[in-house]
Amino acid sequence: MVESLADTYIELGAAGFCLCLFGFMIVSLIRSQKEQTEDLEHIKQRISKMESVIDNSQNIVVKLVDRTNRSDEKREEFWREMSDDMAFLKGRINGGGTRT
């Protein structure tokens, strides 16, 4: 390997040798850029999948909270009616139930 580099240096001179190294650097950068682009595409696909999972989870949570709120409203209505009935009965008991 060292001998082939030395032979190239002798044949092309310093400028030619630097030009070859520059070309090698450009090719390496292009390969690296291609690999990074593929990795970024893979990451984009995974993020897209995660977004859909998060959206679905969020919709489920919203529906559960909505359902709980509706059930709480029914429970509150029941206890309000029960409280009104108890107050009525208490008034009847305390007042003796007489009308004037």
PDB file of N, CA and C in Angstrom:
ATOM      1  N   MET A   1       0.827  -1.185   0.000  1.00  0.00           N
ATOM      2  CA  MET A   1       0.000   0.000   0.000  1.00  0.00           C
ATOM      3  C   MET A   1       0.874   1.252   0.000  1.00  0.00           C
ATOM      4  N   VAL A   2       1.886   1.271   0.856  1.00  0.00           N
ATOM      5  CA  VAL A   2       2.784   2.425   0.938  1.00  0.00           C
ATOM      6  C   VAL A   2       3.583   2.559  -0.357  1.00  0.00           C
ATOM      7  N   GLU A   3       3.983   1.419  -0.927  1.00  0.00           N
ATOM      8  CA  GLU A   3       4.746   1.468  -2.178  1.00  0.00           C
ATOM      9  C   GLU A   3       3.895   1.996  -3.311  1.00  0.00           C
ATOM     10  N   SER A   4       2.601   1.596  -3.349  1.00  0.00           N
ATOM     11  CA  SER A   4       1.743   2.092  -4.430  1.00  0.00           C
ATOM     12  C   SER A   4       1.502   3.592  -4.289  1.00  0.00           C
ATOM     13  N   LEU A   5       1.402   4.085  -3.058  1.00  0.00           N
ATOM     14  CA  LEU A   5       1.252   5.528  -2.851  1.00  0.00           C
ATOM     15  C   LEU A   5       2.519   6.259  -3.274  1.00  0.00           C
ATOM     16  N   ALA A   6       3.657   5.663  -2.963  1.00  0.00           N
ATOM     17  CA  ALA A   6       4.925   6.285  -3.352  1.00  0.00           C
ATOM     18  C   ALA A   6       5.068   6.299  -4.873  1.00  0.00           C
ATOM     19  N   ASP A   7       4.685   5.205  -5.522  1.00  0.00           N
ATOM     20  CA  ASP A   7       4.757   5.149  -6.984  1.00  0.00           C
ATOM     21  C   ASP A   7       3.839   6.196  -7.606  1.00  0.00           C
ATOM     22  N   THR A   8       2.638   6.359  -7.049  1.00  0.00           N
ATOM     23  CA  THR A   8       1.703   7.363  -7.561  1.00  0.00           C
ATOM     24  C   THR A   8       2.284   8.756  -7.378  1.00  0.00           C
ATOM     25  N   TYR A   9       2.932   8.995  -6.270  1.00  0.00           N
ATOM     26  CA  TYR A   9       3.520  10.302  -5.988  1.00  0.00           C
ATOM     27  C   TYR A   9       4.639  10.615  -6.984  1.00  0.00           C
ATOM     28  N   ILE A  10       5.430   9.598  -7.276  1.00  0.00           N
ATOM     29  CA  ILE A  10       6.540   9.790  -8.211  1.00  0.00           C
ATOM     30  C   ILE A  10       6.015  10.060  -9.608  1.00  0.00           C
ATOM     31  N   GLU A  11       4.969   9.324 -10.020  1.00  0.00           N
ATOM     32  CA  GLU A  11       4.452   9.472 -11.376  1.00  0.00           C
ATOM     33  C   GLU A  11       3.705  10.790 -11.575  1.00  0.00           C
ATOM     34  N   LEU A  12       2.905  11.196 -10.596  1.00  0.00           N
ATOM     35  CA  LEU A  12       2.054  12.367 -10.790  1.00  0.00           C
ATOM     36  C   LEU A  12       2.645  13.647 -10.216  1.00  0.00           C
ATOM     37  N   GLY A  13       3.533  13.525  -9.329  1.00  0.00           N
ATOM     38  CA  GLY A  13       4.094  14.704  -8.697  1.00  0.00           C
ATOM     39  C   GLY A  13       3.221  15.102  -7.514  1.00  0.00           C
ATOM     40  N   ALA A  14       3.635  16.140  -6.840  1.00  0.00           N
ATOM     41  CA  ALA A  14       2.934  16.569  -5.630  1.00  0.00           C
ATOM     42  C   ALA A  14       1.537  17.070  -5.949  1.00  0.00           C
ATOM     43  N   ALA A  15       1.383  17.838  -6.993  1.00  0.00           N
ATOM     44  CA  ALA A  15       0.068  18.394  -7.331  1.00  0.00           C
ATOM     45  C   ALA A  15      -0.894  17.285  -7.739  1.00  0.00           C
ATOM     46  N   GLY A  16      -0.417  16.355  -8.543  1.00  0.00           N
ATOM     47  CA  GLY A  16      -1.260  15.247  -8.976  1.00  0.00           C
ATOM     48  C   GLY A  16      -1.660  14.364  -7.811  1.00  0.00           C
ATOM     49  N   PHE A  17      -0.713  14.123  -6.917  1.00  0.00           N
ATOM     50  CA  PHE A  17      -0.984  13.293  -5.742  1.00  0.00           C
ATOM     51  C   PHE A  17      -2.042  13.959  -4.860  1.00  0.00           C
ATOM     52  N   CYS A  18      -1.894  15.277  -4.655  1.00  0.00           N
ATOM     53  CA  CYS A  18      -2.899  16.016  -3.860  1.00  0.00           C
ATOM     54  C   CYS A  18      -4.249  15.973  -4.540  1.00  0.00           C
ATOM     55  N   LEU A  19      -4.241  16.044  -5.873  1.00  0.00           N
ATOM     56  CA  LEU A  19      -5.500  15.976  -6.615  1.00  0.00           C
ATOM     57  C   LEU A  19      -6.159  14.608  -6.437  1.00  0.00           C
ATOM     58  N   CYS A  20      -5.363  13.546  -6.440  1.00  0.00           N
ATOM     59  CA  CYS A  20      -5.919  12.202  -6.208  1.00  0.00           C
ATOM     60  C   CYS A  20      -6.505  12.084  -4.806  1.00  0.00           C
ATOM     61  N   LEU A  21      -5.807  12.610  -3.815  1.00  0.00           N
ATOM     62  CA  LEU A  21      -6.320  12.576  -2.442  1.00  0.00           C
ATOM     63  C   LEU A  21      -7.606  13.391  -2.328  1.00  0.00           C
ATOM     64  N   PHE A  22      -7.653  14.529  -3.002  1.00  0.00           N
ATOM     65  CA  PHE A  22      -8.863  15.355  -3.005  1.00  0.00           C
ATOM     66  C   PHE A  22     -10.029  14.600  -3.633  1.00  0.00           C
ATOM     67  N   GLY A  23      -9.768  13.903  -4.742  1.00  0.00           N
ATOM     68  CA  GLY A  23     -10.804  13.092  -5.394  1.00  0.00           C
ATOM     69  C   GLY A  23     -11.297  11.981  -4.478  1.00  0.00           C
ATOM     70  N   PHE A  24     -10.374  11.331  -3.780  1.00  0.00           N
ATOM     71  CA  PHE A  24     -10.752  10.281  -2.831  1.00  0.00           C
ATOM     72  C   PHE A  24     -11.616  10.849  -1.717  1.00  0.00           C
ATOM     73  N   MET A  25     -11.260  12.042  -1.237  1.00  0.00           N
ATOM     74  CA  MET A  25     -12.040  12.688  -0.184  1.00  0.00           C
ATOM     75  C   MET A  25     -13.457  12.994  -0.672  1.00  0.00           C
ATOM     76  N   ILE A  26     -13.586  13.496  -1.903  1.00  0.00           N
ATOM     77  CA  ILE A  26     -14.909  13.807  -2.465  1.00  0.00           C
ATOM     78  C   ILE A  26     -15.751  12.541  -2.575  1.00  0.00           C
ATOM     79  N   VAL A  27     -15.167  11.454  -3.067  1.00  0.00           N
ATOM     80  CA  VAL A  27     -15.898  10.190  -3.199  1.00  0.00           C
ATOM     81  C   VAL A  27     -16.344   9.691  -1.831  1.00  0.00           C
ATOM     82  N   SER A  28     -15.476   9.799  -0.841  1.00  0.00           N
ATOM     83  CA  SER A  28     -15.830   9.371   0.513  1.00  0.00           C
ATOM     84  C   SER A  28     -16.966  10.216   1.079  1.00  0.00           C
ATOM     85  N   LEU A  29     -16.914  11.509   0.847  1.00  0.00           N
ATOM     86  CA  LEU A  29     -17.991  12.384   1.321  1.00  0.00           C
ATOM     87  C   LEU A  29     -19.323  12.062   0.651  1.00  0.00           C
ATOM     88  N   ILE A  30     -19.285  11.742  -0.624  1.00  0.00           N
ATOM     89  CA  ILE A  30     -20.523  11.392  -1.347  1.00  0.00           C
ATOM     90  C   ILE A  30     -21.113  10.109  -0.771  1.00  0.00           C
ATOM     91  N   ARG A  31     -20.254   9.105  -0.511  1.00  0.00           N
ATOM     92  CA  ARG A  31     -20.749   7.855   0.092  1.00  0.00           C
ATOM     93  C   ARG A  31     -21.356   8.112   1.470  1.00  0.00           C
ATOM     94  N   SER A  32     -20.650   8.903   2.260  1.00  0.00           N
ATOM     95  CA  SER A  32     -21.134   9.213   3.605  1.00  0.00           C
ATOM     96  C   SER A  32     -22.471   9.944   3.543  1.00  0.00           C
ATOM     97  N   GLN A  33     -22.593  10.893   2.621  1.00  0.00           N
ATOM     98  CA  GLN A  33     -23.844  11.638   2.463  1.00  0.00           C
ATOM     99  C   GLN A  33     -24.993  10.712   2.064  1.00  0.00           C
ATOM    100  N   LYS A  34     -24.694   9.764   1.184  1.00  0.00           N
ATOM    101  CA  LYS A  34     -25.724   8.813   0.752  1.00  0.00           C
ATOM    102  C   LYS A  34     -26.200   7.961   1.933  1.00  0.00           C
ATOM    103  N   GLU A  35     -25.270   7.492   2.752  1.00  0.00           N
ATOM    104  CA  GLU A  35     -25.631   6.689   3.925  1.00  0.00           C
ATOM    105  C   GLU A  35     -26.453   7.514   4.912  1.00  0.00           C
ATOM    106  N   GLN A  36     -26.066   8.771   5.104  1.00  0.00           N
ATOM    107  CA  GLN A  36     -26.811   9.631   6.018  1.00  0.00           C
ATOM    108  C   GLN A  36     -28.220   9.899   5.492  1.00  0.00           C
ATOM    109  N   THR A  37     -28.355  10.076   4.195  1.00  0.00           N
ATOM    110  CA  THR A  37     -29.675  10.299   3.603  1.00  0.00           C
ATOM    111  C   THR A  37     -30.569   9.080   3.808  1.00  0.00           C
ATOM    112  N   GLU A  38     -30.008   7.886   3.634  1.00  0.00           N
ATOM    113  CA  GLU A  38     -30.789   6.664   3.856  1.00  0.00           C
ATOM    114  C   GLU A  38     -31.219   6.562   5.317  1.00  0.00           C
ATOM    115  N   ASP A  39     -30.300   6.886   6.226  1.00  0.00           N
ATOM    116  CA  ASP A  39     -30.642   6.856   7.654  1.00  0.00           C
ATOM    117  C   ASP A  39     -31.738   7.861   7.979  1.00  0.00           C
ATOM    118  N   LEU A  40     -31.656   9.051   7.391  1.00  0.00           N
ATOM    119  CA  LEU A  40     -32.683  10.073   7.636  1.00  0.00           C
ATOM    120  C   LEU A  40     -34.047   9.621   7.122  1.00  0.00           C
ATOM    121  N   GLU A  41     -34.081   8.971   5.972  1.00  0.00           N
ATOM    122  CA  GLU A  41     -35.342   8.462   5.437  1.00  0.00           C
ATOM    123  C   GLU A  41     -35.933   7.412   6.377  1.00  0.00           C
ATOM    124  N   HIS A  42     -35.077   6.561   6.902  1.00  0.00           N
ATOM    125  CA  HIS A  42     -35.519   5.536   7.853  1.00  0.00           C
ATOM    126  C   HIS A  42     -36.090   6.197   9.115  1.00  0.00           C
ATOM    127  N   ILE A  43     -35.406   7.217   9.595  1.00  0.00           N
ATOM    128  CA  ILE A  43     -35.875   7.934  10.788  1.00  0.00           C
ATOM    129  C   ILE A  43     -37.209   8.621  10.505  1.00  0.00           C
ATOM    130  N   LYS A  44     -37.363   9.223   9.331  1.00  0.00           N
ATOM    131  CA  LYS A  44     -38.631   9.878   8.967  1.00  0.00           C
ATOM    132  C   LYS A  44     -39.783   8.878   8.966  1.00  0.00           C
ATOM    133  N   GLN A  45     -39.537   7.686   8.436  1.00  0.00           N
ATOM    134  CA  GLN A  45     -40.581   6.659   8.412  1.00  0.00           C
ATOM    135  C   GLN A  45     -40.975   6.248   9.822  1.00  0.00           C
ATOM    136  N   ARG A  46     -40.001   6.075  10.685  1.00  0.00           N
ATOM    137  CA  ARG A  46     -40.309   5.692  12.068  1.00  0.00           C
ATOM    138  C   ARG A  46     -41.066   6.795  12.798  1.00  0.00           C
ATOM    139  N   ILE A  47     -40.680   8.039  12.574  1.00  0.00           N
ATOM    140  CA  ILE A  47     -41.381   9.157  13.208  1.00  0.00           C
ATOM    141  C   ILE A  47     -42.823   9.207  12.728  1.00  0.00           C
ATOM    142  N   SER A  48     -43.035   8.970  11.450  1.00  0.00           N
ATOM    143  CA  SER A  48     -44.398   8.962  10.908  1.00  0.00           C
ATOM    144  C   SER A  48     -45.244   7.877  11.589  1.00  0.00           C
ATOM    145  N   LYS A  49     -44.672   6.700  11.773  1.00  0.00           N
ATOM    146  CA  LYS A  49     -45.397   5.622  12.456  1.00  0.00           C
ATOM    147  C   LYS A  49     -45.707   6.005  13.902  1.00  0.00           C
ATOM    148  N   MET A  50     -44.722   6.626  14.573  1.00  0.00           N
ATOM    149  CA  MET A  50     -44.941   7.030  15.962  1.00  0.00           C
ATOM    150  C   MET A  50     -46.024   8.099  16.058  1.00  0.00           C
ATOM    151  N   GLU A  51     -46.064   9.021  15.086  1.00  0.00           N
ATOM    152  CA  GLU A  51     -47.096  10.061  15.091  1.00  0.00           C
ATOM    153  C   GLU A  51     -48.482   9.443  14.991  1.00  0.00           C
ATOM    154  N   SER A  52     -48.631   8.440  14.129  1.00  0.00           N
ATOM    155  CA  SER A  52     -49.950   7.818  13.989  1.00  0.00           C
ATOM    156  C   SER A  52     -50.339   7.081  15.271  1.00  0.00           C
ATOM    157  N   VAL A  53     -49.385   6.421  15.919  1.00  0.00           N
ATOM    158  CA  VAL A  53     -49.671   5.722  17.173  1.00  0.00           C
ATOM    159  C   VAL A  53     -50.063   6.729  18.255  1.00  0.00           C
ATOM    160  N   ILE A  54     -49.344   7.845  18.322  1.00  0.00           N
ATOM    161  CA  ILE A  54     -49.653   8.872  19.326  1.00  0.00           C
ATOM    162  C   ILE A  54     -51.030   9.472  19.062  1.00  0.00           C
ATOM    163  N   ASP A  55     -51.351   9.737  17.785  1.00  0.00           N
ATOM    164  CA  ASP A  55     -52.674  10.275  17.461  1.00  0.00           C
ATOM    165  C   ASP A  55     -53.779   9.312  17.886  1.00  0.00           C
ATOM    166  N   ASN A  56     -53.585   8.020  17.612  1.00  0.00           N
ATOM    167  CA  ASN A  56     -54.587   7.031  18.002  1.00  0.00           C
ATOM    168  C   ASN A  56     -54.733   6.972  19.520  1.00  0.00           C
ATOM    169  N   SER A  57     -53.608   6.995  20.226  1.00  0.00           N
ATOM    170  CA  SER A  57     -53.653   6.959  21.695  1.00  0.00           C
ATOM    171  C   SER A  57     -54.355   8.200  22.238  1.00  0.00           C
ATOM    172  N   GLN A  58     -54.060   9.340  21.650  1.00  0.00           N
ATOM    173  CA  GLN A  58     -54.682  10.589  22.104  1.00  0.00           C
ATOM    174  C   GLN A  58     -56.193  10.534  21.890  1.00  0.00           C
ATOM    175  N   ASN A  59     -56.631  10.017  20.746  1.00  0.00           N
ATOM    176  CA  ASN A  59     -58.071   9.903  20.488  1.00  0.00           C
ATOM    177  C   ASN A  59     -58.738   8.982  21.502  1.00  0.00           C
ATOM    178  N   ILE A  60     -58.090   7.887  21.845  1.00  0.00           N
ATOM    179  CA  ILE A  60     -58.644   6.953  22.824  1.00  0.00           C
ATOM    180  C   ILE A  60     -58.761   7.620  24.189  1.00  0.00           C
ATOM    181  N   VAL A  61     -57.727   8.349  24.597  1.00  0.00           N
ATOM    182  CA  VAL A  61     -57.749   9.023  25.894  1.00  0.00           C
ATOM    183  C   VAL A  61     -58.856  10.077  25.930  1.00  0.00           C
ATOM    184  N   VAL A  62     -59.012  10.835  24.847  1.00  0.00           N
ATOM    185  CA  VAL A  62     -60.063  11.855  24.803  1.00  0.00           C
ATOM    186  C   VAL A  62     -61.435  11.198  24.933  1.00  0.00           C
ATOM    187  N   LYS A  63     -61.644  10.073  24.257  1.00  0.00           N
ATOM    188  CA  LYS A  63     -62.927   9.385  24.348  1.00  0.00           C
ATOM    189  C   LYS A  63     -63.177   8.867  25.763  1.00  0.00           C
ATOM    190  N   LEU A  64     -62.128   8.346  26.408  1.00  0.00           N
ATOM    191  CA  LEU A  64     -62.288   7.861  27.780  1.00  0.00           C
ATOM    192  C   LEU A  64     -62.624   8.998  28.740  1.00  0.00           C
ATOM    193  N   VAL A  65     -61.960  10.125  28.599  1.00  0.00           N
ATOM    194  CA  VAL A  65     -62.241  11.271  29.461  1.00  0.00           C
ATOM    195  C   VAL A  65     -63.655  11.771  29.225  1.00  0.00           C
ATOM    196  N   ASP A  66     -64.064  11.827  27.967  1.00  0.00           N
ATOM    197  CA  ASP A  66     -65.420  12.266  27.632  1.00  0.00           C
ATOM    198  C   ASP A  66     -66.451  11.319  28.248  1.00  0.00           C
ATOM    199  N   ARG A  67     -66.183  10.030  28.146  1.00  0.00           N
ATOM    200  CA  ARG A  67     -67.109   9.037  28.714  1.00  0.00           C
ATOM    201  C   ARG A  67     -67.198   9.196  30.232  1.00  0.00           C
ATOM    202  N   THR A  68     -66.067   9.411  30.887  1.00  0.00           N
ATOM    203  CA  THR A  68     -66.051   9.589  32.339  1.00  0.00           C
ATOM    204  C   THR A  68     -66.831  10.840  32.728  1.00  0.00           C
ATOM    205  N   ASN A  69     -66.657  11.908  31.970  1.00  0.00           N
ATOM    206  CA  ASN A  69     -67.376  13.141  32.268  1.00  0.00           C
ATOM    207  C   ASN A  69     -68.891  12.950  32.140  1.00  0.00           C
ATOM    208  N   ARG A  70     -69.315  12.225  31.099  1.00  0.00           N
ATOM    209  CA  ARG A  70     -70.753  11.975  30.935  1.00  0.00           C
ATOM    210  C   ARG A  70     -71.293  11.135  32.080  1.00  0.00           C
ATOM    211  N   SER A  71     -70.514  10.147  32.512  1.00  0.00           N
ATOM    212  CA  SER A  71     -70.967   9.299  33.615  1.00  0.00           C
ATOM    213  C   SER A  71     -71.025  10.098  34.912  1.00  0.00           C
ATOM    214  N   ASP A  72     -70.085  11.030  35.110  1.00  0.00           N
ATOM    215  CA  ASP A  72     -70.103  11.889  36.295  1.00  0.00           C
ATOM    216  C   ASP A  72     -71.331  12.795  36.293  1.00  0.00           C
ATOM    217  N   GLU A  73     -71.697  13.294  35.109  1.00  0.00           N
ATOM    218  CA  GLU A  73     -72.890  14.155  35.021  1.00  0.00           C
ATOM    219  C   GLU A  73     -74.148  13.383  35.417  1.00  0.00           C
ATOM    220  N   LYS A  74     -74.247  12.133  34.980  1.00  0.00           N
ATOM    221  CA  LYS A  74     -75.410  11.309  35.347  1.00  0.00           C
ATOM    222  C   LYS A  74     -75.429  11.058  36.850  1.00  0.00           C
ATOM    223  N   ARG A  75     -74.258  10.786  37.414  1.00  0.00           N
ATOM    224  CA  ARG A  75     -74.168  10.530  38.850  1.00  0.00           C
ATOM    225  C   ARG A  75     -74.556  11.785  39.634  1.00  0.00           C
ATOM    226  N   GLU A  76     -74.071  12.945  39.194  1.00  0.00           N
ATOM    227  CA  GLU A  76     -74.410  14.187  39.874  1.00  0.00           C
ATOM    228  C   GLU A  76     -75.908  14.467  39.800  1.00  0.00           C
ATOM    229  N   GLU A  77     -76.501  14.206  38.658  1.00  0.00           N
ATOM    230  CA  GLU A  77     -77.957  14.399  38.491  1.00  0.00           C
ATOM    231  C   GLU A  77     -78.724  13.498  39.455  1.00  0.00           C
ATOM    232  N   PHE A  78     -78.278  12.235  39.578  1.00  0.00           N
ATOM    233  CA  PHE A  78     -78.928  11.304  40.488  1.00  0.00           C
ATOM    234  C   PHE A  78     -78.877  11.831  41.924  1.00  0.00           C
ATOM    235  N   TRP A  79     -77.679  12.279  42.369  1.00  0.00           N
ATOM    236  CA  TRP A  79     -77.537  12.744  43.743  1.00  0.00           C
ATOM    237  C   TRP A  79     -78.278  14.056  43.989  1.00  0.00           C
ATOM    238  N   ARG A  80     -78.390  14.903  42.980  1.00  0.00           N
ATOM    239  CA  ARG A  80     -79.179  16.125  43.137  1.00  0.00           C
ATOM    240  C   ARG A  80     -80.651  15.776  43.365  1.00  0.00           C
ATOM    241  N   GLU A  81     -81.156  14.860  42.540  1.00  0.00           N
ATOM    242  CA  GLU A  81     -82.548  14.438  42.705  1.00  0.00           C
ATOM    243  C   GLU A  81     -82.756  13.785  44.067  1.00  0.00           C
ATOM    244  N   MET A  82     -81.794  12.934  44.478  1.00  0.00           N
ATOM    245  CA  MET A  82     -81.898  12.265  45.769  1.00  0.00           C
ATOM    246  C   MET A  82     -81.884  13.308  46.887  1.00  0.00           C
ATOM    247  N   SER A  83     -81.026  14.312  46.786  1.00  0.00           N
ATOM    248  CA  SER A  83     -80.936  15.354  47.798  1.00  0.00           C
ATOM    249  C   SER A  83     -82.244  16.155  47.862  1.00  0.00           C
ATOM    250  N   ASP A  84     -82.809  16.477  46.690  1.00  0.00           N
ATOM    251  CA  ASP A  84     -84.079  17.213  46.662  1.00  0.00           C
ATOM    252  C   ASP A  84     -85.188  16.386  47.313  1.00  0.00           C
ATOM    253  N   ASP A  85     -85.214  15.090  47.000  1.00  0.00           N
ATOM    254  CA  ASP A  85     -86.239  14.219  47.593  1.00  0.00           C
ATOM    255  C   ASP A  85     -86.069  14.122  49.102  1.00  0.00           C
ATOM    256  N   MET A  86     -84.820  14.008  49.553  1.00  0.00           N
ATOM    257  CA  MET A  86     -84.565  13.927  50.993  1.00  0.00           C
ATOM    258  C   MET A  86     -84.969  15.232  51.689  1.00  0.00           C
ATOM    259  N   ALA A  87     -84.676  16.358  51.056  1.00  0.00           N
ATOM    260  CA  ALA A  87     -85.051  17.653  51.641  1.00  0.00           C
ATOM    261  C   ALA A  87     -86.569  17.764  51.721  1.00  0.00           C
ATOM    262  N   PHE A  88     -87.261  17.274  50.684  1.00  0.00           N
ATOM    263  CA  PHE A  88     -88.721  17.310  50.684  1.00  0.00           C
ATOM    264  C   PHE A  88     -89.277  16.467  51.825  1.00  0.00           C
ATOM    265  N   LEU A  89     -88.711  15.228  51.955  1.00  0.00           N
ATOM    266  CA  LEU A  89     -89.180  14.347  53.018  1.00  0.00           C
ATOM    267  C   LEU A  89     -88.859  14.916  54.395  1.00  0.00           C
ATOM    268  N   LYS A  90     -87.721  15.510  54.548  1.00  0.00           N
ATOM    269  CA  LYS A  90     -87.341  16.120  55.819  1.00  0.00           C
ATOM    270  C   LYS A  90     -88.296  17.265  56.161  1.00  0.00           C
ATOM    271  N   GLY A  91     -88.621  18.041  55.151  1.00  0.00           N
ATOM    272  CA  GLY A  91     -89.573  19.131  55.373  1.00  0.00           C
ATOM    273  C   GLY A  91     -90.938  18.603  55.769  1.00  0.00           C
ATOM    274  N   ARG A  92     -91.357  17.523  55.147  1.00  0.00           N
ATOM    275  CA  ARG A  92     -92.647  16.923  55.469  1.00  0.00           C
ATOM    276  C   ARG A  92     -92.643  16.403  56.910  1.00  0.00           C
ATOM    277  N   ILE A  93     -91.497  15.764  57.272  1.00  0.00           N
ATOM    278  CA  ILE A  93     -91.410  15.220  58.642  1.00  0.00           C
ATOM    279  C   ILE A  93     -91.382  16.345  59.666  1.00  0.00           C
ATOM    280  N   ASN A  94     -90.565  17.340  59.460  1.00  0.00           N
ATOM    281  CA  ASN A  94     -90.423  18.450  60.401  1.00  0.00           C
ATOM    282  C   ASN A  94     -91.668  19.335  60.429  1.00  0.00           C
ATOM    283  N   GLY A  95     -92.299  19.505  59.299  1.00  0.00           N
ATOM    284  CA  GLY A  95     -93.472  20.373  59.224  1.00  0.00           C
ATOM    285  C   GLY A  95     -94.735  19.649  59.609  1.00  0.00           C
ATOM    286  N   GLY A  96     -94.695  18.395  59.761  1.00  0.00           N
ATOM    287  CA  GLY A  96     -95.865  17.649  60.144  1.00  0.00           C
ATOM    288  C   GLY A  96     -96.764  17.316  58.967  1.00  0.00           C
ATOM    289  N   GLY A  97     -96.410  17.778  57.815  1.00  0.00           N
ATOM    290  CA  GLY A  97     -97.195  17.443  56.654  1.00  0.00           C
ATOM    291  C   GLY A  97     -98.548  18.094  56.579  1.00  0.00           C
ATOM    292  N   THR A  98     -98.793  19.146  57.366  1.00  0.00           N
ATOM    293  CA  THR A  98    -100.095  19.816  57.347  1.00  0.00           C
ATOM    294  C   THR A  98    -100.082  20.957  56.370  1.00  0.00           C
ATOM    295  N   ARG A  99    -101.208  21.152  55.742  1.00  0.00           N
ATOM    296  CA  ARG A  99    -101.348  22.280  54.817  1.00  0.00           C
ATOM    297  C   ARG A  99    -102.356  23.244  55.409  1.00  0.00           C
ATOM    298  N   THR A 100    -102.060  24.460  55.256  1.00  0.00           N
ATOM    299  CA  THR A 100    -103.013  25.461  55.766  1.00  0.00           C
ATOM    300  C   THR A 100    -103.595  26.280  54.673  1.00  0.00           C
TER     301      THR A 100
END
